[in-house]
C-alpha atoms as a PDB file:
ATOM      1  CA  MET A   1      -6.613   3.587  52.339  1.00  0.00           C
ATOM      2  CA  LYS A   2      -7.293   0.103  51.109  1.00  0.00           C
ATOM      3  CA  GLU A   3      -7.573  -0.352  47.323  1.00  0.00           C
ATOM      4  CA  ARG A   4     -10.651  -2.088  46.109  1.00  0.00           C
ATOM      5  CA  GLU A   5     -10.137  -5.425  44.422  1.00  0.00           C
ATOM      6  CA  TYR A   6     -11.967  -5.683  41.091  1.00  0.00           C
ATOM      7  CA  THR A   7     -13.589  -8.857  39.920  1.00  0.00           C
ATOM      8  CA  ALA A   8     -12.700 -10.383  36.585  1.00  0.00           C
ATOM      9  CA  ASP A   9     -16.024  -9.231  35.110  1.00  0.00           C
ATOM     10  CA  GLU A  10     -15.358  -5.634  36.154  1.00  0.00           C
ATOM     11  CA  ARG A  11     -11.872  -5.709  34.656  1.00  0.00           C
ATOM     12  CA  LEU A  12     -13.106  -7.200  31.388  1.00  0.00           C
ATOM     13  CA  ALA A  13     -15.973  -4.708  31.136  1.00  0.00           C
ATOM     14  CA  GLY A  14     -13.430  -1.904  31.002  1.00  0.00           C
ATOM     15  CA  LEU A  15     -11.782  -3.421  27.943  1.00  0.00           C
ATOM     16  CA  PHE A  16     -14.931  -3.147  25.906  1.00  0.00           C
ATOM     17  CA  GLN A  17     -15.780   0.435  26.687  1.00  0.00           C
ATOM     18  CA  PRO A  18     -15.590   2.688  23.652  1.00  0.00           C
ATOM     19  CA  ASP A  19     -12.925   5.384  23.639  1.00  0.00           C
ATOM     20  CA  THR A  20     -14.458   8.801  23.684  1.00  0.00           C
ATOM     21  CA  LEU A  21     -13.117  11.222  21.134  1.00  0.00           C
ATOM     22  CA  LEU A  22     -14.441  14.716  20.446  1.00  0.00           C
ATOM     23  CA  PRO A  23     -15.104  15.594  16.818  1.00  0.00           C
ATOM     24  CA  SER A  24     -12.492  18.306  16.990  1.00  0.00           C
ATOM     25  CA  GLN A  25      -9.899  15.771  18.120  1.00  0.00           C
ATOM     26  CA  PHE A  26     -10.842  13.317  15.353  1.00  0.00           C
ATOM     27  CA  PHE A  27     -10.741  15.907  12.570  1.00  0.00           C
ATOM     28  CA  ASP A  28      -7.536  17.393  13.897  1.00  0.00           C
ATOM     29  CA  ARG A  29      -5.830  14.002  13.545  1.00  0.00           C
ATOM     30  CA  VAL A  30      -7.288  13.356  10.130  1.00  0.00           C
ATOM     31  CA  ARG A  31      -6.236  16.764   8.921  1.00  0.00           C
ATOM     32  CA  ARG A  32      -2.634  16.178  10.135  1.00  0.00           C
ATOM     33  CA  ARG A  33      -2.483  12.890   8.277  1.00  0.00           C
ATOM     34  CA  SER A  34      -3.855  14.315   5.042  1.00  0.00           C
ATOM     35  CA  GLU A  35      -1.660  17.363   5.003  1.00  0.00           C
ATOM     36  CA  HIS A  36       1.675  15.918   3.944  1.00  0.00           C
ATOM     37  CA  ASP A  37       4.809  17.980   3.921  1.00  0.00           C
ATOM     38  CA  GLY A  38       6.610  18.539   0.661  1.00  0.00           C
ATOM     39  CA  GLU A  39       9.020  15.643   1.040  1.00  0.00           C
ATOM     40  CA  ARG A  40       6.275  13.163   1.866  1.00  0.00           C
ATOM     41  CA  ARG A  41       4.202  14.331  -1.134  1.00  0.00           C
ATOM     42  CA  LEU A  42       7.273  13.916  -3.333  1.00  0.00           C
ATOM     43  CA  MET A  43       7.807  10.397  -1.972  1.00  0.00           C
ATOM     44  CA  ILE A  44       4.180   9.542  -2.753  1.00  0.00           C
ATOM     45  CA  ALA A  45       4.596  10.851  -6.298  1.00  0.00           C
ATOM     46  CA  VAL A  46       7.843   8.865  -6.846  1.00  0.00           C
ATOM     47  CA  LEU A  47       6.190   5.645  -5.605  1.00  0.00           C
ATOM     48  CA  GLU A  48       2.991   6.234  -7.623  1.00  0.00           C
ATOM     49  CA  ASP A  49       5.034   6.818 -10.783  1.00  0.00           C
ATOM     50  CA  ALA A  50       7.141   3.669 -10.316  1.00  0.00           C
ATOM     51  CA  VAL A  51       4.095   1.481  -9.597  1.00  0.00           C
ATOM     52  CA  ASP A  52       2.254   3.011 -12.572  1.00  0.00           C
ATOM     53  CA  VAL A  53       5.201   2.377 -14.910  1.00  0.00           C
ATOM     54  CA  TYR A  54       5.598  -1.164 -13.522  1.00  0.00           C
ATOM     55  CA  ARG A  55       1.936  -2.006 -14.101  1.00  0.00           C
ATOM     56  CA  LYS A  56       1.635  -0.379 -17.534  1.00  0.00           C
ATOM     57  CA  GLN A  57       4.911  -1.719 -18.926  1.00  0.00           C
ATOM     58  CA  ALA A  58       4.935  -5.219 -17.363  1.00  0.00           C
ATOM     59  CA  GLY A  59       3.901  -6.821 -20.647  1.00  0.00           C
ATOM     60  CA  ALA A  60       5.617  -4.332 -22.940  1.00  0.00           C
ATOM     61  CA  ARG A  61       6.898  -5.593 -26.235  1.00  0.00           C
ATOM     62  CA  ASP A  62       8.671  -2.472 -27.463  1.00  0.00           C
ATOM     63  CA  PRO A  63      12.268  -1.739 -26.300  1.00  0.00           C
ATOM     64  CA  ARG A  64      11.345   1.571 -24.677  1.00  0.00           C
ATOM     65  CA  GLY A  65       8.552   0.047 -22.604  1.00  0.00           C
ATOM     66  CA  GLN A  66      10.796  -2.900 -21.627  1.00  0.00           C
ATOM     67  CA  ALA A  67      13.549  -0.511 -20.538  1.00  0.00           C
ATOM     68  CA  LEU A  68      11.077   1.564 -18.484  1.00  0.00           C
ATOM     69  CA  PHE A  69       9.785  -1.621 -16.849  1.00  0.00           C
ATOM     70  CA  ARG A  70      13.284  -2.903 -16.028  1.00  0.00           C
ATOM     71  CA  GLU A  71      14.181   0.428 -14.427  1.00  0.00           C
ATOM     72  CA  ALA A  72      11.066   0.430 -12.236  1.00  0.00           C
ATOM     73  CA  GLU A  73      11.534  -3.268 -11.416  1.00  0.00           C
ATOM     74  CA  GLU A  74      15.147  -2.707 -10.351  1.00  0.00           C
ATOM     75  CA  TRP A  75      14.243   0.249  -8.141  1.00  0.00           C
ATOM     76  CA  ILE A  76      11.389  -1.649  -6.510  1.00  0.00           C
ATOM     77  CA  GLY A  77      13.468  -4.780  -5.971  1.00  0.00           C
ATOM     78  CA  ASP A  78      16.527  -2.937  -4.570  1.00  0.00           C
ATOM     79  CA  PRO A  79      16.881  -3.474  -0.774  1.00  0.00           C
ATOM     80  CA  ASP A  80      19.305  -0.536  -0.468  1.00  0.00           C
ATOM     81  CA  ARG A  81      18.431   1.908   2.272  1.00  0.00           C
ATOM     82  CA  THR A  82      21.332   4.324   1.868  1.00  0.00           C
ATOM     83  CA  TRP A  83      19.507   6.593  -0.569  1.00  0.00           C
ATOM     84  CA  LEU A  84      16.791   8.787   0.882  1.00  0.00           C
ATOM     85  CA  PHE A  85      14.391   8.062  -1.992  1.00  0.00           C
ATOM     86  CA  SER A  86      14.985   4.348  -2.155  1.00  0.00           C
ATOM     87  CA  PHE A  87      11.925   2.075  -2.380  1.00  0.00           C
ATOM     88  CA  GLU A  88      12.559   0.724   1.150  1.00  0.00           C
ATOM     89  CA  ASN A  89      12.818   4.214   2.668  1.00  0.00           C
ATOM     90  CA  ILE A  90       9.786   5.549   0.911  1.00  0.00           C
ATOM     91  CA  CYS A  91       7.700   2.584   2.060  1.00  0.00           C
ATOM     92  CA  ASP A  92       8.938   3.080   5.631  1.00  0.00           C
ATOM     93  CA  VAL A  93       8.113   6.801   5.660  1.00  0.00           C
ATOM     94  CA  LEU A  94       4.675   6.142   4.165  1.00  0.00           C
ATOM     95  CA  GLY A  95       3.938   3.225   6.523  1.00  0.00           C
ATOM     96  CA  LEU A  96       3.736   0.630   3.767  1.00  0.00           C
ATOM     97  CA  ASP A  97       5.009  -2.965   3.845  1.00  0.00           C
ATOM     98  CA  ALA A  98       7.634  -3.030   1.085  1.00  0.00           C
ATOM     99  CA  ASP A  99       7.647  -6.816   0.761  1.00  0.00           C
ATOM    100  CA  TYR A 100       3.851  -6.987   0.556  1.00  0.00           C
ATOM    101  CA  LEU A 101       3.876  -4.394  -2.231  1.00  0.00           C
ATOM    102  CA  ARG A 102       6.604  -6.270  -4.079  1.00  0.00           C
ATOM    103  CA  ARG A 103       4.633  -9.525  -3.891  1.00  0.00           C
ATOM    104  CA  GLY A 104       1.561  -7.831  -5.326  1.00  0.00           C
ATOM    105  CA  LEU A 105       3.523  -6.286  -8.153  1.00  0.00           C
ATOM    106  CA  ARG A 106       5.185  -9.600  -9.010  1.00  0.00           C
ATOM    107  CA  ALA A 107       1.739 -11.230  -9.160  1.00  0.00           C
ATOM    108  CA  TRP A 108       0.618  -8.372 -11.466  1.00  0.00           C
ATOM    109  CA  LYS A 109       3.660  -8.990 -13.669  1.00  0.00           C
ATOM    110  CA  GLU A 110       2.930 -12.749 -13.909  1.00  0.00           C
ATOM    111  CA  ARG A 111      -0.644 -12.058 -14.980  1.00  0.00           C
ATOM    112  CA  ALA A 112       0.504  -9.509 -17.555  1.00  0.00           C
ATOM    113  CA  LEU A 113       3.063 -11.948 -18.977  1.00  0.00           C
ATOM    114  CA  GLU A 114       0.432 -14.701 -19.142  1.00  0.00           C
ATOM    115  CA  GLY A 115      -1.779 -12.346 -21.096  1.00  0.00           C
ATOM    116  CA  ARG A 116       1.064 -11.440 -23.376  1.00  0.00           C
ATOM    117  CA  ARG A 117       1.654 -15.123 -24.167  1.00  0.00           C
ATOM    118  CA  GLY A 118      -1.942 -15.377 -25.319  1.00  0.00           C
ATOM    119  CA  LYS A 119      -3.324 -17.176 -22.300  1.00  0.00           C
ATOM    120  CA  VAL A 120      -6.678 -16.080 -21.000  1.00  0.00           C
ATOM    121  CA  VAL A 121      -6.228 -14.070 -17.857  1.00  0.00           C
ATOM    122  CA  SER A 122      -9.219 -14.092 -15.569  1.00  0.00           C
ATOM    123  CA  LEU A 123      -9.739 -12.347 -12.324  1.00  0.00           C
ATOM    124  CA  ARG A 124     -10.024 -14.287  -9.093  1.00  0.00           C
ATOM    125  CA  ALA A 125     -13.392 -14.144  -7.334  1.00  0.00           C
ATOM    126  CA  ASP A 126     -12.097 -11.669  -4.705  1.00  0.00           C
ATOM    127  CA  GLU A 127     -10.722  -9.399  -7.408  1.00  0.00           C
ATOM    128  CA  ARG A 128     -14.049  -9.453  -9.285  1.00  0.00           C
ATOM    129  CA  ASP A 129     -15.882  -8.559  -6.075  1.00  0.00           C
ATOM    130  CA  GLU A 130     -13.461  -5.677  -5.443  1.00  0.00           C
ATOM    131  CA  LEU A 131     -13.986  -4.352  -8.987  1.00  0.00           C
ATOM    132  CA  ARG A 132     -17.752  -4.595  -8.620  1.00  0.00           C
ATOM    133  CA  LYS A 133     -17.631  -2.685  -5.285  1.00  0.00           C
ATOM    134  CA  ALA A 134     -15.333  -0.014  -6.757  1.00  0.00           C
ATOM    135  CA  SER A 135     -17.595   0.474  -9.782  1.00  0.00           C
ATOM    136  CA  GLY A 136     -20.687   0.733  -7.647  1.00  0.00           C
ATOM    137  CA  ASP A 137     -22.438  -2.396  -8.950  1.00  0.00           C
END
């Protein structure tokens, strides 16, 4: 039996056809992603805590706040992968780009330090737009 040769238009048309997915298939996949096992939930909590401490204590003036910030900064900056709950491993398991997150946190730190020095810290236009969208304005 001779196979039919497809024209370029026919081949391209197949690329732009939507994938069909039943609602049960979609919600099954979403449910699996949202139901994290205990270890994954713990990793999320560890990362959230470190980022929260980093952001809140970035411009700290008191010794305790500075110590908390240094500890979080060291953990986030450590490239070690030998420990299960290292920053690198947690980002890998959660599907996050560790370097991207580090860059964002460093930018946060710089803005916090500028504010601490008494300089006026203003949001970039894209950050203002994000805040407006998040607040519902």
